[in-house]
Amino acid sequence: VRWMMYWIVFALFMATETFTDLLISWFPFYYEIKMAFVIWLLSPYTRGAILLYRKFVHPTLSRREKEIDTYIVQARERGYEAMVRFGKRGLNMAATAAVRAATKSQGVLAGRLRSFSMQDLRSIPDE
């Protein structure tokens, strides 16, 4: 549970840090402060990630639990529909490619058979 709390808080930190890094990276000792913050999150003595998770993240997730569950159900349904749609499209493409290959190979085979038969007819003397 402790590691789950750490990784959730760290992921949120990384997501916000992507944008704030562009704005305040000029600040003196920015990278040192950022590194100290990550160590504070990770340290078992300070339990920074646990503190932030219980104080901010968990209450927010609890308040929006029904909304999150609704989004998860919608994502599952859309994902299933997308997989079915892409599966059908993939099968159609494979079937089309197989038919084209069969058609081309049949034409090549018929052309070779014609050329063999024409050669056979030519090799027979006119007499």
Protein backbone atom coordinates (compact mmCIF):
# COMPACT_ATOMS: atom_id res chain seq x y z
CA VAL A 1 0.00 0.00 0.00
CA ARG A 2 2.89 2.33 0.81
CA TRP A 3 4.40 1.84 -2.64
CA MET A 4 1.04 2.33 -4.31
CA MET A 5 0.66 5.65 -2.52
CA TYR A 6 4.18 6.65 -3.53
CA TRP A 7 3.71 5.80 -7.20
CA ILE A 8 0.38 7.59 -7.42
CA VAL A 9 1.79 10.75 -5.83
CA PHE A 10 4.95 10.49 -7.94
CA ALA A 11 2.92 10.10 -11.14
CA LEU A 12 0.89 13.18 -10.28
CA PHE A 13 4.10 15.04 -9.52
CA MET A 14 5.62 14.02 -12.87
CA ALA A 15 2.46 15.06 -14.73
CA THR A 16 2.44 18.53 -13.15
CA GLU A 17 6.21 18.83 -13.33
CA THR A 18 6.11 18.50 -17.10
CA PHE A 19 4.32 21.84 -17.35
CA THR A 20 5.84 23.65 -14.38
CA ASP A 21 9.34 22.68 -15.49
CA LEU A 22 8.97 24.97 -18.49
CA LEU A 23 7.83 27.89 -16.37
CA ILE A 24 10.06 27.83 -13.28
CA SER A 25 13.18 25.90 -14.30
CA TRP A 26 15.06 29.23 -14.25
CA PHE A 27 14.50 29.45 -10.47
CA PRO A 28 17.81 29.09 -8.54
CA PHE A 29 18.31 25.60 -7.09
CA TYR A 30 15.18 24.36 -8.85
CA TYR A 31 16.59 20.96 -9.70
CA GLU A 32 18.08 20.52 -6.23
CA ILE A 33 14.72 21.35 -4.64
CA LYS A 34 12.97 18.95 -7.00
CA MET A 35 15.42 16.17 -6.10
CA ALA A 36 14.97 16.87 -2.38
CA PHE A 37 11.20 16.72 -2.84
CA VAL A 38 11.42 13.30 -4.53
CA ILE A 39 13.68 12.03 -1.72
CA TRP A 40 11.18 13.42 0.81
CA LEU A 41 8.39 11.52 -0.99
CA LEU A 42 10.39 8.31 -1.04
CA SER A 43 11.89 8.35 2.44
CA PRO A 44 10.34 5.92 4.95
CA TYR A 45 11.21 8.35 7.77
CA THR A 46 9.36 11.36 6.41
CA ARG A 47 6.57 9.41 4.68
CA GLY A 48 5.95 12.33 2.38
CA ALA A 49 4.05 10.35 -0.23
CA ILE A 50 1.75 8.84 2.41
CA LEU A 51 1.09 12.29 3.88
CA LEU A 52 0.25 13.84 0.51
CA TYR A 53 -1.83 10.86 -0.57
CA ARG A 54 -3.96 10.83 2.59
CA LYS A 55 -4.28 14.60 2.77
CA PHE A 56 -5.03 15.43 -0.90
CA VAL A 57 -5.27 12.50 -3.30
CA HIS A 58 -7.51 10.09 -1.38
CA PRO A 59 -10.17 12.69 -0.46
CA THR A 60 -10.30 13.87 -4.07
CA LEU A 61 -10.64 10.31 -5.37
CA SER A 62 -13.30 9.51 -2.78
CA ARG A 63 -15.40 12.55 -3.73
CA ARG A 64 -15.28 11.65 -7.41
CA GLU A 65 -15.56 7.88 -7.11
CA LYS A 66 -18.89 7.56 -8.94
CA GLU A 67 -17.72 9.83 -11.74
CA ILE A 68 -14.49 7.81 -12.11
CA ASP A 69 -16.44 4.54 -12.18
CA THR A 70 -18.69 5.95 -14.92
CA TYR A 71 -15.64 6.91 -16.99
CA ILE A 72 -14.14 3.45 -16.51
CA VAL A 73 -17.34 1.76 -17.72
CA GLN A 74 -17.50 4.09 -20.74
CA ALA A 75 -13.85 3.43 -21.55
CA ARG A 76 -14.41 -0.32 -21.32
CA GLU A 77 -17.40 -0.15 -23.67
CA ARG A 78 -15.60 2.11 -26.14
CA GLY A 79 -12.53 -0.09 -25.99
CA TYR A 80 -14.58 -3.19 -26.74
CA GLU A 81 -16.35 -1.45 -29.62
CA ALA A 82 -13.03 -0.24 -31.01
CA MET A 83 -11.52 -3.72 -30.81
CA VAL A 84 -14.52 -5.21 -32.63
CA ARG A 85 -14.38 -2.48 -35.28
CA PHE A 86 -10.62 -2.86 -35.81
CA GLY A 87 -10.97 -6.65 -35.78
CA LYS A 88 -13.60 -6.52 -38.51
CA ARG A 89 -11.53 -4.07 -40.50
CA GLY A 90 -8.46 -6.29 -40.13
CA LEU A 91 -10.36 -9.39 -41.23
CA ASN A 92 -11.75 -7.50 -44.24
CA MET A 93 -8.26 -6.36 -45.20
CA ALA A 94 -6.88 -9.89 -44.83
CA ALA A 95 -9.72 -11.35 -46.90
CA THR A 96 -9.22 -8.70 -49.60
CA ALA A 97 -5.48 -9.35 -49.68
CA ALA A 98 -6.08 -13.12 -49.94
CA VAL A 99 -8.56 -12.66 -52.81
CA ARG A 100 -6.18 -10.30 -54.64
CA ALA A 101 -3.29 -12.71 -54.20
CA ALA A 102 -5.39 -15.61 -55.44
CA THR A 103 -6.58 -13.58 -58.43
CA LYS A 104 -3.06 -12.48 -59.35
CA SER A 105 -1.64 -15.96 -58.92
CA GLN A 106 -4.45 -17.44 -61.02
CA GLY A 107 -3.70 -14.94 -63.79
CA VAL A 108 0.01 -15.74 -63.64
CA LEU A 109 -0.71 -19.47 -63.66
CA ALA A 110 -3.08 -19.15 -66.62
CA GLY A 111 -0.51 -17.04 -68.48
CA ARG A 112 2.18 -19.66 -67.93
CA LEU A 113 -0.10 -22.46 -69.02
CA ARG A 114 -0.96 -20.50 -72.16
CA SER A 115 2.70 -19.88 -72.90
CA PHE A 116 3.49 -23.57 -72.42
CA SER A 117 0.68 -24.62 -74.70
CA MET A 118 1.74 -22.08 -77.36
CA GLN A 119 5.29 -23.41 -77.19
CA ASP A 120 4.02 -26.94 -77.44
CA LEU A 121 2.00 -26.05 -80.52
CA ARG A 122 4.97 -24.34 -82.13
CA SER A 123 7.25 -27.25 -81.53
CA ILE A 124 4.96 -29.49 -83.56
CA PRO A 125 5.99 -29.43 -87.22
CA ASP A 126 3.48 -27.94 -89.62
CA GLU A 127 3.38 -31.16 -91.60
